[in-house]
N, C-alpha and C. Protein backbone atom coordinates (compact mmCIF):
# COMPACT_ATOMS: atom_id res chain seq x y z
N UNK A 1 109.94 48.10 88.85
CA UNK A 1 109.03 49.06 88.24
C UNK A 1 107.62 48.47 88.28
N UNK A 2 106.66 49.30 88.64
CA UNK A 2 105.27 48.85 88.68
C UNK A 2 104.79 48.51 87.27
N UNK A 3 103.88 47.55 87.15
CA UNK A 3 103.45 47.11 85.82
C UNK A 3 102.73 48.18 85.00
N UNK A 4 102.18 49.21 85.66
CA UNK A 4 101.48 50.24 84.88
C UNK A 4 102.36 51.44 84.54
N UNK A 5 103.65 51.39 84.90
CA UNK A 5 104.56 52.50 84.62
C UNK A 5 105.01 52.46 83.16
N UNK A 6 105.16 53.64 82.56
CA UNK A 6 105.67 53.75 81.20
C UNK A 6 107.19 53.73 81.24
N UNK A 7 107.82 53.15 80.21
CA UNK A 7 109.28 53.17 80.12
C UNK A 7 109.77 54.60 79.98
N UNK A 8 109.09 55.40 79.16
CA UNK A 8 109.39 56.82 78.99
C UNK A 8 108.09 57.58 79.20
N UNK A 9 108.12 58.64 80.01
CA UNK A 9 106.88 59.41 80.23
C UNK A 9 106.46 60.14 78.96
N UNK A 10 105.18 60.46 78.91
CA UNK A 10 104.63 61.30 77.84
C UNK A 10 104.49 62.70 78.46
N UNK A 11 105.17 63.68 77.88
CA UNK A 11 105.09 65.04 78.43
C UNK A 11 104.04 65.81 77.65
N UNK A 12 103.03 66.28 78.40
CA UNK A 12 101.94 67.04 77.80
C UNK A 12 101.89 68.43 78.40
N UNK A 13 101.19 69.31 77.73
CA UNK A 13 101.00 70.67 78.23
C UNK A 13 99.65 70.72 78.93
N UNK A 14 99.64 71.28 80.14
CA UNK A 14 98.41 71.39 80.93
C UNK A 14 98.22 72.83 81.38
N UNK A 15 97.02 73.14 81.83
CA UNK A 15 96.76 74.47 82.37
C UNK A 15 97.12 75.57 81.40
N UNK A 16 98.00 76.44 81.82
CA UNK A 16 98.43 77.56 81.00
C UNK A 16 99.66 77.22 80.17
N UNK A 17 99.74 75.97 79.76
CA UNK A 17 100.86 75.54 78.92
C UNK A 17 102.05 75.02 79.70
N UNK A 18 101.83 74.61 80.93
CA UNK A 18 102.91 74.04 81.73
C UNK A 18 103.09 72.57 81.39
N UNK A 19 104.32 72.11 81.27
CA UNK A 19 104.53 70.68 80.96
C UNK A 19 104.27 69.81 82.18
N UNK A 20 103.67 68.68 81.94
CA UNK A 20 103.43 67.67 82.97
C UNK A 20 103.80 66.32 82.40
N UNK A 21 104.49 65.52 83.20
CA UNK A 21 104.89 64.20 82.74
C UNK A 21 103.86 63.16 83.16
N UNK A 22 103.36 62.43 82.19
CA UNK A 22 102.44 61.33 82.43
C UNK A 22 103.30 60.08 82.46
N UNK A 23 103.46 59.50 83.64
CA UNK A 23 104.42 58.42 83.85
C UNK A 23 103.81 57.02 83.92
N UNK A 24 102.49 56.95 84.00
CA UNK A 24 101.87 55.63 84.16
C UNK A 24 100.50 55.59 83.50
N UNK A 25 99.98 54.39 83.40
CA UNK A 25 98.64 54.20 82.86
C UNK A 25 97.63 54.95 83.71
N UNK A 26 97.79 54.90 85.03
CA UNK A 26 96.86 55.58 85.92
C UNK A 26 96.90 57.09 85.70
N UNK A 27 98.10 57.66 85.52
CA UNK A 27 98.21 59.09 85.22
C UNK A 27 97.47 59.43 83.93
N UNK A 28 97.69 58.62 82.89
CA UNK A 28 97.03 58.84 81.61
C UNK A 28 95.51 58.74 81.77
N UNK A 29 95.07 57.73 82.50
CA UNK A 29 93.64 57.54 82.74
C UNK A 29 93.04 58.77 83.43
N UNK A 30 93.74 59.30 84.42
CA UNK A 30 93.24 60.49 85.14
C UNK A 30 93.09 61.69 84.20
N UNK A 31 94.09 61.90 83.35
CA UNK A 31 94.00 63.02 82.40
C UNK A 31 92.83 62.82 81.45
N UNK A 32 92.64 61.60 80.99
CA UNK A 32 91.53 61.32 80.09
C UNK A 32 90.18 61.48 80.78
N UNK A 33 90.10 61.06 82.04
CA UNK A 33 88.84 61.17 82.78
C UNK A 33 88.47 62.63 83.03
N UNK A 34 89.47 63.51 83.12
CA UNK A 34 89.22 64.93 83.36
C UNK A 34 88.95 65.70 82.07
N UNK A 35 89.15 65.07 80.91
CA UNK A 35 88.93 65.73 79.63
C UNK A 35 87.45 66.09 79.50
N UNK A 36 87.13 67.34 79.14
CA UNK A 36 85.72 67.75 79.07
C UNK A 36 84.90 66.84 78.14
N UNK A 37 83.73 66.49 78.60
CA UNK A 37 82.85 65.59 77.86
C UNK A 37 82.57 66.09 76.45
N UNK A 38 82.39 67.38 76.31
CA UNK A 38 82.05 67.94 74.99
C UNK A 38 83.19 67.85 73.99
N UNK A 39 84.44 67.61 74.46
CA UNK A 39 85.60 67.50 73.57
C UNK A 39 86.02 66.06 73.32
N UNK A 40 85.32 65.12 73.92
CA UNK A 40 85.69 63.71 73.76
C UNK A 40 85.36 63.23 72.35
N UNK A 41 86.31 62.51 71.76
CA UNK A 41 86.16 62.03 70.39
C UNK A 41 86.63 60.58 70.32
N UNK A 42 86.79 60.07 69.11
CA UNK A 42 87.21 58.68 68.94
C UNK A 42 88.59 58.44 69.56
N UNK A 43 89.51 59.37 69.36
CA UNK A 43 90.86 59.21 69.92
C UNK A 43 90.80 59.12 71.44
N UNK A 44 89.95 59.91 72.05
CA UNK A 44 89.76 59.87 73.50
C UNK A 44 89.21 58.52 73.93
N UNK A 45 88.19 58.06 73.22
CA UNK A 45 87.55 56.79 73.54
C UNK A 45 88.54 55.62 73.45
N UNK A 46 89.33 55.59 72.39
CA UNK A 46 90.31 54.52 72.19
C UNK A 46 91.36 54.56 73.29
N UNK A 47 91.88 55.75 73.60
CA UNK A 47 92.90 55.88 74.65
C UNK A 47 92.34 55.49 76.02
N UNK A 48 91.11 55.90 76.30
CA UNK A 48 90.48 55.57 77.58
C UNK A 48 90.28 54.06 77.72
N UNK A 49 89.79 53.42 76.66
CA UNK A 49 89.59 51.97 76.71
C UNK A 49 90.92 51.23 76.85
N UNK A 50 91.96 51.75 76.21
CA UNK A 50 93.28 51.13 76.33
C UNK A 50 93.80 51.25 77.76
N UNK A 51 93.62 52.40 78.36
CA UNK A 51 94.06 52.57 79.75
C UNK A 51 93.30 51.64 80.68
N UNK A 52 92.01 51.53 80.48
CA UNK A 52 91.21 50.63 81.31
C UNK A 52 91.68 49.18 81.14
N UNK A 53 91.94 48.78 79.91
CA UNK A 53 92.41 47.41 79.65
C UNK A 53 93.78 47.18 80.27
N UNK A 54 94.66 48.18 80.20
CA UNK A 54 96.00 48.04 80.80
C UNK A 54 95.90 47.95 82.32
N UNK A 55 95.00 48.72 82.91
CA UNK A 55 94.83 48.66 84.37
C UNK A 55 94.30 47.30 84.81
N UNK A 56 93.53 46.65 83.94
CA UNK A 56 93.03 45.29 84.25
C UNK A 56 94.06 44.22 83.90
N UNK A 57 95.18 44.63 83.29
CA UNK A 57 96.21 43.67 82.91
C UNK A 57 95.95 42.95 81.60
N UNK A 58 95.03 43.45 80.81
CA UNK A 58 94.67 42.80 79.55
C UNK A 58 95.60 43.17 78.40
N UNK A 59 96.21 44.36 78.48
CA UNK A 59 97.18 44.78 77.47
C UNK A 59 98.39 45.39 78.19
N UNK A 60 99.48 45.54 77.48
CA UNK A 60 100.70 46.11 78.04
C UNK A 60 100.54 47.62 78.27
N UNK A 61 101.23 48.12 79.28
CA UNK A 61 101.22 49.55 79.58
C UNK A 61 101.73 50.36 78.39
N UNK A 62 102.72 49.83 77.67
CA UNK A 62 103.30 50.56 76.53
C UNK A 62 102.30 50.72 75.38
N UNK A 63 101.37 49.78 75.26
CA UNK A 63 100.32 49.91 74.25
C UNK A 63 99.40 51.07 74.61
N UNK A 64 99.02 51.13 75.89
CA UNK A 64 98.18 52.24 76.36
C UNK A 64 98.94 53.56 76.23
N UNK A 65 100.24 53.55 76.49
CA UNK A 65 101.06 54.75 76.36
C UNK A 65 101.00 55.28 74.93
N UNK A 66 101.17 54.38 73.97
CA UNK A 66 101.14 54.79 72.57
C UNK A 66 99.82 55.41 72.17
N UNK A 67 98.74 54.84 72.64
CA UNK A 67 97.42 55.36 72.31
C UNK A 67 97.14 56.68 73.03
N UNK A 68 97.65 56.81 74.26
CA UNK A 68 97.51 58.08 74.97
C UNK A 68 98.33 59.16 74.26
N UNK A 69 99.54 58.82 73.83
CA UNK A 69 100.39 59.78 73.11
C UNK A 69 99.73 60.20 71.80
N UNK A 70 99.08 59.27 71.12
CA UNK A 70 98.37 59.60 69.88
C UNK A 70 97.21 60.56 70.17
N UNK A 71 96.48 60.31 71.25
CA UNK A 71 95.41 61.22 71.67
C UNK A 71 95.97 62.61 71.94
N UNK A 72 97.07 62.66 72.70
CA UNK A 72 97.69 63.95 73.04
C UNK A 72 98.17 64.68 71.79
N UNK A 73 98.75 63.95 70.85
CA UNK A 73 99.21 64.57 69.61
C UNK A 73 98.03 65.12 68.81
N UNK A 74 96.97 64.36 68.74
CA UNK A 74 95.77 64.79 67.98
C UNK A 74 95.21 66.09 68.53
N UNK A 75 95.34 66.29 69.83
CA UNK A 75 94.78 67.48 70.47
C UNK A 75 95.85 68.53 70.80
N UNK A 76 97.00 68.42 70.16
CA UNK A 76 98.10 69.38 70.34
C UNK A 76 98.49 69.57 71.81
N UNK A 77 98.53 68.47 72.55
CA UNK A 77 98.90 68.52 73.96
C UNK A 77 100.34 68.12 74.21
N UNK A 78 100.99 67.51 73.22
CA UNK A 78 102.37 67.06 73.44
C UNK A 78 103.29 68.26 73.60
N UNK A 79 104.09 68.22 74.65
CA UNK A 79 105.09 69.28 74.86
C UNK A 79 106.24 69.06 73.90
N UNK A 80 106.83 70.15 73.40
CA UNK A 80 107.99 69.97 72.51
C UNK A 80 109.14 69.33 73.27
N UNK A 81 109.96 68.60 72.53
CA UNK A 81 111.12 67.95 73.13
C UNK A 81 112.07 69.02 73.68
N UNK A 82 112.52 68.86 74.90
CA UNK A 82 113.43 69.85 75.50
C UNK A 82 114.75 69.91 74.75
N UNK A 83 115.25 68.79 74.29
CA UNK A 83 116.50 68.78 73.55
C UNK A 83 116.36 69.56 72.25
N UNK A 84 115.22 69.44 71.60
CA UNK A 84 115.00 70.16 70.35
C UNK A 84 114.93 71.66 70.60
N UNK A 85 114.32 72.06 71.70
CA UNK A 85 114.23 73.48 72.04
C UNK A 85 115.62 74.02 72.33
N UNK A 86 116.39 73.29 73.12
CA UNK A 86 117.75 73.73 73.46
C UNK A 86 118.61 73.85 72.21
N UNK A 87 118.52 72.87 71.32
CA UNK A 87 119.30 72.91 70.09
C UNK A 87 118.88 74.09 69.22
N UNK A 88 117.58 74.36 69.17
CA UNK A 88 117.07 75.48 68.39
C UNK A 88 117.58 76.80 68.95
N UNK A 89 117.59 76.93 70.26
CA UNK A 89 118.08 78.16 70.89
C UNK A 89 119.57 78.34 70.66
N UNK A 90 120.32 77.25 70.77
CA UNK A 90 121.76 77.33 70.55
C UNK A 90 122.04 77.74 69.12
N UNK A 91 121.31 77.19 68.17
CA UNK A 91 121.49 77.52 66.77
C UNK A 91 121.15 78.98 66.52
N UNK A 92 120.05 79.44 67.11
CA UNK A 92 119.63 80.83 66.94
C UNK A 92 120.67 81.79 67.54
N UNK A 93 121.19 81.44 68.73
CA UNK A 93 122.23 82.27 69.36
C UNK A 93 123.48 82.31 68.52
N UNK A 94 123.87 81.17 68.00
CA UNK A 94 125.09 81.09 67.19
C UNK A 94 124.90 81.89 65.90
N UNK A 95 123.74 81.73 65.27
CA UNK A 95 123.49 82.41 64.00
C UNK A 95 123.38 83.92 64.16
N UNK A 96 122.90 84.39 65.32
CA UNK A 96 122.78 85.83 65.52
C UNK A 96 124.14 86.50 65.66
N UNK A 97 125.19 85.73 66.00
CA UNK A 97 126.54 86.28 66.14
C UNK A 97 127.28 86.29 64.82
N UNK A 98 126.82 85.51 63.89
CA UNK A 98 127.48 85.41 62.58
C UNK A 98 126.74 86.33 61.61
N UNK A 99 127.42 87.32 61.09
CA UNK A 99 126.79 88.27 60.16
C UNK A 99 127.63 88.44 58.95
């Protein structure tokens, strides 16, 4: 595994709400670099600096992953867990049959 790869990807919503998996520090860095300047805040700055440090080998990729995930959560970009959605749908289907 490449040193900048995440153990588990961070799934975010992009475009019209389509999920995209961010699998590495470079992927996270690209998403952060494309973030509109007018929306950049402290969370963005911290995540960007962490990605830069990880790309230089100064910090672990998982540290940058955590900070990128925190940025994504702050901006409501994290995609819901697929397992949670499936379980919710199964529960709803089951409950609709029970009256």
